[in-house]
Amino acid sequence: MKIRPEQPGDVETIRLLTQAAFKNAPHSSQTEAAIVDALRDAGALTVSLVAVEGDQIVGHVAFSPVTINGKDADWYGLGPVSVWPDRQAKGIGQALIREGLGRLKQRGAGGCVVLGDPGYYGRFGFASDPGLRYGDIPPEYFQRLAFGPAPKGEVAYHPGFDAG
């Protein structure tokens, strides 16, 4: 498996992949593909990677900027992460996340936030931080990975997350 940046010819496959990956997800709003498209259209896909086996895209991960207390703090949000349903639980999403986090660090990012399962995202070093909040989301599901000092305050995702 090879991981590479998204290319223009990948857009339709990423859309179909994202729709399929979240089709039966219990907490999905079914807007994840529209979110990726909106982030791309806004130029807000800071890191957008695909996993490729042979000539087939098997997974995708997106990282986009977030604000903290209304200000750019050079922090990013992870997600969505998509893997074809028949390829899930084989390490593809994990490899995409690790590569994406590495690329954020190379950019000099301050850190990354994610909304998701603490058991899954904890393996990457994400942890809840009561000083960093996202609306009324229970704190254990909103986690951060700081690459330096962790800011405190209210996190807001890019407006592309309102798509759908």
N, C-alpha and C. Protein backbone atom coordinates (compact mmCIF):
# COMPACT_ATOMS: atom_id res chain seq x y z
N MET A 1 0.84 -1.19 0.00
CA MET A 1 0.00 0.00 0.00
C MET A 1 0.88 1.24 0.00
N LYS A 2 0.49 2.20 -0.81
CA LYS A 2 1.20 3.47 -0.91
C LYS A 2 0.25 4.58 -0.44
N ILE A 3 0.79 5.55 0.27
CA ILE A 3 0.00 6.72 0.68
C ILE A 3 0.56 7.92 -0.05
N ARG A 4 -0.34 8.67 -0.67
CA ARG A 4 0.08 9.85 -1.43
C ARG A 4 -0.96 10.95 -1.28
N PRO A 5 -0.57 12.20 -1.61
CA PRO A 5 -1.55 13.28 -1.58
C PRO A 5 -2.65 13.06 -2.62
N GLU A 6 -3.82 13.54 -2.30
CA GLU A 6 -4.94 13.54 -3.24
C GLU A 6 -4.53 14.25 -4.52
N GLN A 7 -5.00 13.74 -5.65
CA GLN A 7 -4.79 14.37 -6.95
C GLN A 7 -6.14 14.72 -7.55
N PRO A 8 -6.19 15.66 -8.50
CA PRO A 8 -7.48 16.08 -9.06
C PRO A 8 -8.33 14.91 -9.58
N GLY A 9 -7.74 13.91 -10.18
CA GLY A 9 -8.48 12.78 -10.71
C GLY A 9 -9.06 11.86 -9.64
N ASP A 10 -8.75 12.10 -8.38
CA ASP A 10 -9.21 11.25 -7.27
C ASP A 10 -10.55 11.69 -6.69
N VAL A 11 -11.02 12.87 -7.05
CA VAL A 11 -12.15 13.50 -6.36
C VAL A 11 -13.40 12.61 -6.36
N GLU A 12 -13.79 12.09 -7.51
CA GLU A 12 -15.02 11.29 -7.58
C GLU A 12 -14.87 10.00 -6.77
N THR A 13 -13.72 9.36 -6.86
CA THR A 13 -13.50 8.13 -6.09
C THR A 13 -13.55 8.42 -4.60
N ILE A 14 -12.95 9.54 -4.17
CA ILE A 14 -12.97 9.90 -2.75
C ILE A 14 -14.42 10.12 -2.30
N ARG A 15 -15.22 10.76 -3.15
CA ARG A 15 -16.63 11.00 -2.81
C ARG A 15 -17.37 9.66 -2.63
N LEU A 16 -17.22 8.75 -3.59
CA LEU A 16 -17.89 7.44 -3.51
C LEU A 16 -17.39 6.63 -2.33
N LEU A 17 -16.08 6.66 -2.11
CA LEU A 17 -15.46 5.96 -0.98
C LEU A 17 -16.02 6.47 0.34
N THR A 18 -16.09 7.78 0.49
CA THR A 18 -16.57 8.38 1.74
C THR A 18 -18.04 8.03 1.97
N GLN A 19 -18.85 8.09 0.92
CA GLN A 19 -20.26 7.72 1.06
C GLN A 19 -20.39 6.27 1.50
N ALA A 20 -19.63 5.39 0.88
CA ALA A 20 -19.70 3.96 1.22
C ALA A 20 -19.21 3.70 2.63
N ALA A 21 -18.12 4.37 3.01
CA ALA A 21 -17.53 4.14 4.33
C ALA A 21 -18.47 4.51 5.47
N PHE A 22 -19.28 5.54 5.27
CA PHE A 22 -20.16 6.03 6.33
C PHE A 22 -21.61 5.59 6.18
N LYS A 23 -21.92 4.84 5.14
CA LYS A 23 -23.31 4.46 4.85
C LYS A 23 -24.01 3.82 6.04
N ASN A 24 -23.33 2.93 6.73
CA ASN A 24 -23.96 2.22 7.86
C ASN A 24 -23.35 2.61 9.21
N ALA A 25 -22.60 3.69 9.25
CA ALA A 25 -21.99 4.13 10.51
C ALA A 25 -23.07 4.69 11.44
N PRO A 26 -23.14 4.20 12.68
CA PRO A 26 -24.23 4.58 13.57
C PRO A 26 -24.31 6.07 13.91
N HIS A 27 -23.19 6.77 13.96
CA HIS A 27 -23.22 8.18 14.35
C HIS A 27 -23.04 9.12 13.16
N SER A 28 -23.20 8.59 11.96
CA SER A 28 -22.99 9.38 10.76
C SER A 28 -24.20 10.25 10.44
N SER A 29 -23.92 11.44 9.94
CA SER A 29 -24.98 12.32 9.46
C SER A 29 -25.18 12.13 7.95
N GLN A 30 -24.38 11.26 7.34
CA GLN A 30 -24.40 11.01 5.89
C GLN A 30 -24.01 12.26 5.10
N THR A 31 -23.30 13.17 5.73
CA THR A 31 -22.84 14.39 5.05
C THR A 31 -21.32 14.41 4.88
N GLU A 32 -20.65 13.33 5.23
CA GLU A 32 -19.18 13.33 5.23
C GLU A 32 -18.60 13.62 3.85
N ALA A 33 -19.18 13.05 2.79
CA ALA A 33 -18.65 13.30 1.45
C ALA A 33 -18.85 14.77 1.07
N ALA A 34 -20.00 15.34 1.42
CA ALA A 34 -20.26 16.75 1.15
C ALA A 34 -19.29 17.64 1.93
N ILE A 35 -18.94 17.22 3.13
CA ILE A 35 -17.97 17.98 3.93
C ILE A 35 -16.62 18.00 3.24
N VAL A 36 -16.15 16.84 2.78
CA VAL A 36 -14.86 16.79 2.09
C VAL A 36 -14.89 17.67 0.84
N ASP A 37 -15.97 17.60 0.07
CA ASP A 37 -16.10 18.44 -1.12
C ASP A 37 -16.08 19.92 -0.76
N ALA A 38 -16.81 20.30 0.30
CA ALA A 38 -16.87 21.71 0.71
C ALA A 38 -15.50 22.20 1.19
N LEU A 39 -14.79 21.35 1.93
CA LEU A 39 -13.45 21.73 2.38
C LEU A 39 -12.52 21.91 1.17
N ARG A 40 -12.60 20.99 0.22
CA ARG A 40 -11.77 21.08 -0.98
C ARG A 40 -12.09 22.36 -1.74
N ASP A 41 -13.40 22.62 -1.95
CA ASP A 41 -13.83 23.81 -2.70
C ASP A 41 -13.37 25.10 -2.03
N ALA A 42 -13.27 25.08 -0.70
CA ALA A 42 -12.84 26.27 0.05
C ALA A 42 -11.32 26.37 0.17
N GLY A 43 -10.60 25.39 -0.37
CA GLY A 43 -9.14 25.39 -0.23
C GLY A 43 -8.70 25.08 1.18
N ALA A 44 -9.54 24.35 1.93
CA ALA A 44 -9.27 24.10 3.35
C ALA A 44 -8.86 22.66 3.64
N LEU A 45 -8.56 21.88 2.62
CA LEU A 45 -8.02 20.54 2.86
C LEU A 45 -6.51 20.69 3.01
N THR A 46 -6.08 20.95 4.22
CA THR A 46 -4.67 21.19 4.48
C THR A 46 -3.84 19.96 4.14
N VAL A 47 -4.31 18.81 4.58
CA VAL A 47 -3.70 17.53 4.24
C VAL A 47 -4.83 16.62 3.79
N SER A 48 -4.72 16.10 2.57
CA SER A 48 -5.72 15.17 2.02
C SER A 48 -4.94 14.05 1.37
N LEU A 49 -4.98 12.88 2.01
CA LEU A 49 -4.18 11.74 1.56
C LEU A 49 -5.06 10.58 1.15
N VAL A 50 -4.58 9.82 0.17
CA VAL A 50 -5.25 8.58 -0.22
C VAL A 50 -4.28 7.42 -0.03
N ALA A 51 -4.86 6.28 0.32
CA ALA A 51 -4.11 5.02 0.36
C ALA A 51 -4.44 4.28 -0.94
N VAL A 52 -3.41 3.80 -1.62
CA VAL A 52 -3.57 3.17 -2.92
C VAL A 52 -2.95 1.78 -2.88
N GLU A 53 -3.70 0.82 -3.38
CA GLU A 53 -3.16 -0.53 -3.58
C GLU A 53 -3.31 -0.83 -5.07
N GLY A 54 -2.18 -1.09 -5.73
CA GLY A 54 -2.21 -1.23 -7.18
C GLY A 54 -2.61 0.10 -7.78
N ASP A 55 -3.72 0.11 -8.50
CA ASP A 55 -4.21 1.38 -9.04
C ASP A 55 -5.54 1.77 -8.40
N GLN A 56 -5.87 1.14 -7.27
CA GLN A 56 -7.14 1.41 -6.59
C GLN A 56 -6.95 2.21 -5.31
N ILE A 57 -7.75 3.27 -5.17
CA ILE A 57 -7.79 4.01 -3.91
C ILE A 57 -8.61 3.19 -2.93
N VAL A 58 -8.03 2.90 -1.77
CA VAL A 58 -8.71 2.09 -0.77
C VAL A 58 -9.06 2.87 0.49
N GLY A 59 -8.51 4.09 0.64
CA GLY A 59 -8.80 4.90 1.82
C GLY A 59 -8.46 6.35 1.60
N HIS A 60 -9.02 7.20 2.45
CA HIS A 60 -8.79 8.65 2.37
C HIS A 60 -8.84 9.24 3.78
N VAL A 61 -8.02 10.25 4.01
CA VAL A 61 -8.09 11.01 5.26
C VAL A 61 -7.97 12.50 4.94
N ALA A 62 -8.70 13.31 5.70
CA ALA A 62 -8.68 14.76 5.54
C ALA A 62 -8.30 15.43 6.86
N PHE A 63 -7.51 16.48 6.75
CA PHE A 63 -7.18 17.35 7.88
C PHE A 63 -7.45 18.78 7.42
N SER A 64 -8.15 19.54 8.24
CA SER A 64 -8.50 20.92 7.89
C SER A 64 -8.31 21.82 9.11
N PRO A 65 -8.14 23.12 8.87
CA PRO A 65 -7.89 24.04 9.99
C PRO A 65 -9.08 24.19 10.92
N VAL A 66 -8.78 24.36 12.19
CA VAL A 66 -9.79 24.72 13.19
C VAL A 66 -9.35 26.04 13.84
N THR A 67 -10.30 26.69 14.47
CA THR A 67 -9.95 27.87 15.27
C THR A 67 -10.18 27.53 16.74
N ILE A 68 -9.47 28.23 17.57
CA ILE A 68 -9.64 28.08 19.02
C ILE A 68 -9.92 29.47 19.57
N ASN A 69 -11.07 29.60 20.22
CA ASN A 69 -11.56 30.90 20.68
C ASN A 69 -11.61 31.92 19.54
N GLY A 70 -11.99 31.43 18.35
CA GLY A 70 -12.16 32.31 17.20
C GLY A 70 -10.88 32.71 16.50
N LYS A 71 -9.76 32.16 16.93
CA LYS A 71 -8.47 32.56 16.35
C LYS A 71 -7.76 31.37 15.74
N ASP A 72 -6.98 31.65 14.69
CA ASP A 72 -6.15 30.62 14.08
C ASP A 72 -5.01 30.32 15.04
N ALA A 73 -4.95 29.08 15.50
CA ALA A 73 -3.90 28.68 16.44
C ALA A 73 -2.96 27.66 15.79
N ASP A 74 -3.05 27.51 14.45
CA ASP A 74 -2.28 26.52 13.70
C ASP A 74 -2.56 25.11 14.22
N TRP A 75 -3.83 24.88 14.50
CA TRP A 75 -4.33 23.55 14.88
C TRP A 75 -5.26 23.06 13.79
N TYR A 76 -5.42 21.75 13.73
CA TYR A 76 -6.17 21.14 12.65
C TYR A 76 -7.14 20.10 13.18
N GLY A 77 -8.19 19.86 12.43
CA GLY A 77 -9.14 18.81 12.75
C GLY A 77 -8.90 17.62 11.85
N LEU A 78 -8.96 16.44 12.42
CA LEU A 78 -8.81 15.18 11.70
C LEU A 78 -10.19 14.69 11.32
N GLY A 79 -10.36 14.37 10.05
CA GLY A 79 -11.59 13.73 9.61
C GLY A 79 -12.26 14.48 8.48
N PRO A 80 -13.05 13.74 7.78
CA PRO A 80 -13.34 12.32 7.92
C PRO A 80 -12.18 11.42 7.48
N VAL A 81 -12.21 10.20 7.99
CA VAL A 81 -11.33 9.11 7.57
C VAL A 81 -12.22 8.06 6.95
N SER A 82 -11.91 7.67 5.74
CA SER A 82 -12.78 6.74 5.01
C SER A 82 -11.97 5.58 4.43
N VAL A 83 -12.51 4.38 4.59
CA VAL A 83 -11.93 3.17 4.00
C VAL A 83 -13.10 2.37 3.45
N TRP A 84 -12.92 1.79 2.26
CA TRP A 84 -13.99 0.95 1.69
C TRP A 84 -14.43 -0.07 2.74
N PRO A 85 -15.74 -0.29 2.90
CA PRO A 85 -16.22 -1.20 3.94
C PRO A 85 -15.57 -2.58 3.94
N ASP A 86 -15.29 -3.14 2.77
CA ASP A 86 -14.68 -4.47 2.73
C ASP A 86 -13.19 -4.46 3.05
N ARG A 87 -12.64 -3.27 3.25
CA ARG A 87 -11.21 -3.13 3.57
C ARG A 87 -10.99 -2.57 4.98
N GLN A 88 -12.07 -2.30 5.71
CA GLN A 88 -11.94 -1.74 7.05
C GLN A 88 -11.34 -2.76 8.02
N ALA A 89 -10.74 -2.25 9.08
CA ALA A 89 -10.11 -3.06 10.14
C ALA A 89 -8.90 -3.84 9.63
N LYS A 90 -8.22 -3.27 8.63
CA LYS A 90 -7.00 -3.88 8.10
C LYS A 90 -5.80 -2.95 8.20
N GLY A 91 -5.95 -1.86 8.97
CA GLY A 91 -4.83 -0.94 9.20
C GLY A 91 -4.70 0.20 8.21
N ILE A 92 -5.60 0.30 7.24
CA ILE A 92 -5.51 1.35 6.22
C ILE A 92 -5.78 2.72 6.84
N GLY A 93 -6.88 2.83 7.59
CA GLY A 93 -7.19 4.11 8.24
C GLY A 93 -6.10 4.53 9.21
N GLN A 94 -5.59 3.56 9.95
CA GLN A 94 -4.51 3.83 10.90
C GLN A 94 -3.28 4.38 10.19
N ALA A 95 -2.90 3.77 9.06
CA ALA A 95 -1.73 4.23 8.30
C ALA A 95 -1.96 5.64 7.76
N LEU A 96 -3.17 5.91 7.27
CA LEU A 96 -3.48 7.25 6.76
C LEU A 96 -3.39 8.30 7.87
N ILE A 97 -3.94 7.98 9.04
CA ILE A 97 -3.91 8.92 10.16
C ILE A 97 -2.47 9.19 10.58
N ARG A 98 -1.68 8.14 10.74
CA ARG A 98 -0.28 8.33 11.16
C ARG A 98 0.49 9.19 10.15
N GLU A 99 0.30 8.92 8.87
CA GLU A 99 0.99 9.71 7.84
C GLU A 99 0.52 11.17 7.88
N GLY A 100 -0.78 11.36 8.01
CA GLY A 100 -1.31 12.72 8.07
C GLY A 100 -0.81 13.50 9.27
N LEU A 101 -0.78 12.85 10.43
CA LEU A 101 -0.25 13.52 11.63
C LEU A 101 1.22 13.87 11.44
N GLY A 102 1.97 12.99 10.81
CA GLY A 102 3.37 13.27 10.53
C GLY A 102 3.53 14.48 9.62
N ARG A 103 2.66 14.60 8.65
CA ARG A 103 2.72 15.75 7.73
C ARG A 103 2.34 17.04 8.44
N LEU A 104 1.38 16.96 9.37
CA LEU A 104 1.04 18.16 10.15
C LEU A 104 2.24 18.60 10.98
N LYS A 105 2.91 17.65 11.62
CA LYS A 105 4.10 17.98 12.42
C LYS A 105 5.16 18.63 11.54
N GLN A 106 5.38 18.09 10.34
CA GLN A 106 6.37 18.66 9.41
C GLN A 106 6.02 20.10 9.04
N ARG A 107 4.73 20.41 9.00
CA ARG A 107 4.28 21.77 8.68
C ARG A 107 4.49 22.72 9.86
N GLY A 108 4.81 22.16 11.03
CA GLY A 108 4.96 22.98 12.23
C GLY A 108 3.65 23.26 12.94
N ALA A 109 2.65 22.42 12.70
CA ALA A 109 1.34 22.60 13.34
C ALA A 109 1.46 22.51 14.85
N GLY A 110 0.55 23.19 15.54
CA GLY A 110 0.52 23.15 17.00
C GLY A 110 -0.12 21.89 17.54
N GLY A 111 -1.05 21.31 16.75
CA GLY A 111 -1.72 20.11 17.20
C GLY A 111 -2.92 19.79 16.35
N CYS A 112 -3.66 18.79 16.80
CA CYS A 112 -4.79 18.27 16.04
C CYS A 112 -5.89 17.87 17.01
N VAL A 113 -7.13 18.05 16.59
CA VAL A 113 -8.29 17.60 17.37
C VAL A 113 -9.07 16.59 16.55
N VAL A 114 -9.83 15.76 17.26
CA VAL A 114 -10.67 14.78 16.60
C VAL A 114 -11.91 14.53 17.46
N LEU A 115 -13.01 14.30 16.77
CA LEU A 115 -14.25 13.91 17.43
C LEU A 115 -14.47 12.45 17.09
N GLY A 116 -14.37 11.58 18.11
CA GLY A 116 -14.50 10.16 17.82
C GLY A 116 -14.25 9.27 19.02
N ASP A 117 -14.15 7.99 18.74
CA ASP A 117 -14.00 6.96 19.74
C ASP A 117 -12.66 7.08 20.46
N PRO A 118 -12.68 7.32 21.79
CA PRO A 118 -11.42 7.45 22.52
C PRO A 118 -10.56 6.19 22.46
N GLY A 119 -11.19 5.02 22.41
CA GLY A 119 -10.43 3.79 22.32
C GLY A 119 -9.63 3.69 21.04
N TYR A 120 -10.21 4.17 19.95
CA TYR A 120 -9.52 4.12 18.66
C TYR A 120 -8.45 5.22 18.58
N TYR A 121 -8.84 6.46 18.84
CA TYR A 121 -7.92 7.58 18.63
C TYR A 121 -6.85 7.69 19.71
N GLY A 122 -7.08 7.04 20.85
CA GLY A 122 -6.05 7.03 21.90
C GLY A 122 -4.77 6.37 21.44
N ARG A 123 -4.85 5.41 20.52
CA ARG A 123 -3.64 4.72 20.04
C ARG A 123 -2.69 5.65 19.29
N PHE A 124 -3.19 6.81 18.86
CA PHE A 124 -2.35 7.80 18.17
C PHE A 124 -1.83 8.87 19.12
N GLY A 125 -2.25 8.80 20.38
CA GLY A 125 -1.84 9.79 21.36
C GLY A 125 -2.90 10.84 21.66
N PHE A 126 -4.06 10.73 21.05
CA PHE A 126 -5.15 11.68 21.34
C PHE A 126 -5.69 11.41 22.73
N ALA A 127 -6.04 12.48 23.42
CA ALA A 127 -6.62 12.37 24.77
C ALA A 127 -7.58 13.53 24.97
N SER A 128 -8.60 13.31 25.79
CA SER A 128 -9.51 14.41 26.09
C SER A 128 -8.79 15.41 26.98
N ASP A 129 -9.18 16.65 26.84
CA ASP A 129 -8.59 17.75 27.60
C ASP A 129 -9.75 18.67 28.00
N PRO A 130 -10.10 18.71 29.29
CA PRO A 130 -11.25 19.52 29.69
C PRO A 130 -11.08 21.00 29.37
N GLY A 131 -9.88 21.44 29.11
CA GLY A 131 -9.64 22.84 28.77
C GLY A 131 -9.89 23.17 27.31
N LEU A 132 -10.08 22.15 26.50
CA LEU A 132 -10.33 22.33 25.07
C LEU A 132 -11.70 21.72 24.77
N ARG A 133 -12.64 22.55 24.34
CA ARG A 133 -14.03 22.12 24.22
C ARG A 133 -14.55 22.27 22.80
N TYR A 134 -15.59 21.47 22.51
CA TYR A 134 -16.29 21.58 21.23
C TYR A 134 -17.79 21.49 21.51
N GLY A 135 -18.40 22.62 21.68
CA GLY A 135 -19.84 22.69 21.94
C GLY A 135 -20.26 21.84 23.12
N ASP A 136 -21.35 21.12 22.95
CA ASP A 136 -21.89 20.28 24.03
C ASP A 136 -21.45 18.82 23.92
N ILE A 137 -20.45 18.57 23.10
CA ILE A 137 -19.97 17.20 22.91
C ILE A 137 -19.36 16.72 24.23
N PRO A 138 -19.71 15.50 24.66
CA PRO A 138 -19.08 14.97 25.88
C PRO A 138 -17.56 14.98 25.73
N PRO A 139 -16.84 15.48 26.74
CA PRO A 139 -15.40 15.69 26.60
C PRO A 139 -14.60 14.43 26.25
N GLU A 140 -15.07 13.26 26.64
CA GLU A 140 -14.29 12.06 26.33
C GLU A 140 -14.26 11.77 24.83
N TYR A 141 -15.21 12.30 24.06
CA TYR A 141 -15.25 12.05 22.62
C TYR A 141 -14.56 13.13 21.80
N PHE A 142 -14.26 14.26 22.44
CA PHE A 142 -13.52 15.32 21.75
C PHE A 142 -12.11 15.31 22.32
N GLN A 143 -11.13 14.98 21.48
CA GLN A 143 -9.77 14.74 21.96
C GLN A 143 -8.77 15.58 21.19
N ARG A 144 -7.61 15.74 21.78
CA ARG A 144 -6.56 16.52 21.13
C ARG A 144 -5.23 15.80 21.22
N LEU A 145 -4.38 16.13 20.24
CA LEU A 145 -3.00 15.67 20.22
C LEU A 145 -2.17 16.92 20.03
N ALA A 146 -1.47 17.33 21.08
CA ALA A 146 -0.68 18.56 21.04
C ALA A 146 0.74 18.23 20.60
N PHE A 147 1.26 19.02 19.67
CA PHE A 147 2.66 18.90 19.25
C PHE A 147 3.54 19.87 20.01
N GLY A 148 2.94 20.67 20.85
CA GLY A 148 3.62 21.67 21.68
C GLY A 148 2.66 22.02 22.81
N PRO A 149 2.73 23.25 23.33
CA PRO A 149 1.79 23.64 24.38
C PRO A 149 0.35 23.58 23.86
N ALA A 150 -0.53 23.06 24.70
CA ALA A 150 -1.94 22.92 24.30
C ALA A 150 -2.72 24.17 24.70
N PRO A 151 -3.42 24.77 23.74
CA PRO A 151 -4.24 25.93 24.08
C PRO A 151 -5.50 25.49 24.84
N LYS A 152 -6.19 26.45 25.38
CA LYS A 152 -7.45 26.21 26.07
C LYS A 152 -8.52 27.02 25.36
N GLY A 153 -9.74 26.50 25.36
CA GLY A 153 -10.84 27.27 24.80
C GLY A 153 -11.77 26.44 23.95
N GLU A 154 -12.61 27.15 23.20
CA GLU A 154 -13.64 26.55 22.36
C GLU A 154 -13.12 26.38 20.94
N VAL A 155 -13.23 25.16 20.44
CA VAL A 155 -12.77 24.82 19.08
C VAL A 155 -13.93 24.97 18.10
N ALA A 156 -13.64 25.49 16.93
CA ALA A 156 -14.62 25.55 15.83
C ALA A 156 -13.98 24.96 14.59
N TYR A 157 -14.71 24.05 13.95
CA TYR A 157 -14.27 23.48 12.69
C TYR A 157 -14.54 24.45 11.56
N HIS A 158 -13.89 24.23 10.43
CA HIS A 158 -14.08 25.04 9.24
C HIS A 158 -15.58 25.03 8.85
N PRO A 159 -16.11 26.11 8.29
CA PRO A 159 -17.51 26.14 7.88
C PRO A 159 -17.89 25.03 6.89
N GLY A 160 -16.92 24.44 6.21
CA GLY A 160 -17.20 23.30 5.33
C GLY A 160 -17.89 22.16 6.06
N PHE A 161 -17.73 22.08 7.37
CA PHE A 161 -18.37 21.02 8.14
C PHE A 161 -19.88 21.24 8.27
N ASP A 162 -20.36 22.40 7.86
CA ASP A 162 -21.79 22.66 7.86
C ASP A 162 -22.45 22.21 6.56
N ALA A 163 -21.65 21.64 5.64
CA ALA A 163 -22.16 21.20 4.33
C ALA A 163 -23.11 20.02 4.51
N GLY A 164 -23.92 19.86 3.52
CA GLY A 164 -24.78 18.70 3.49
C GLY A 164 -26.18 19.05 3.78
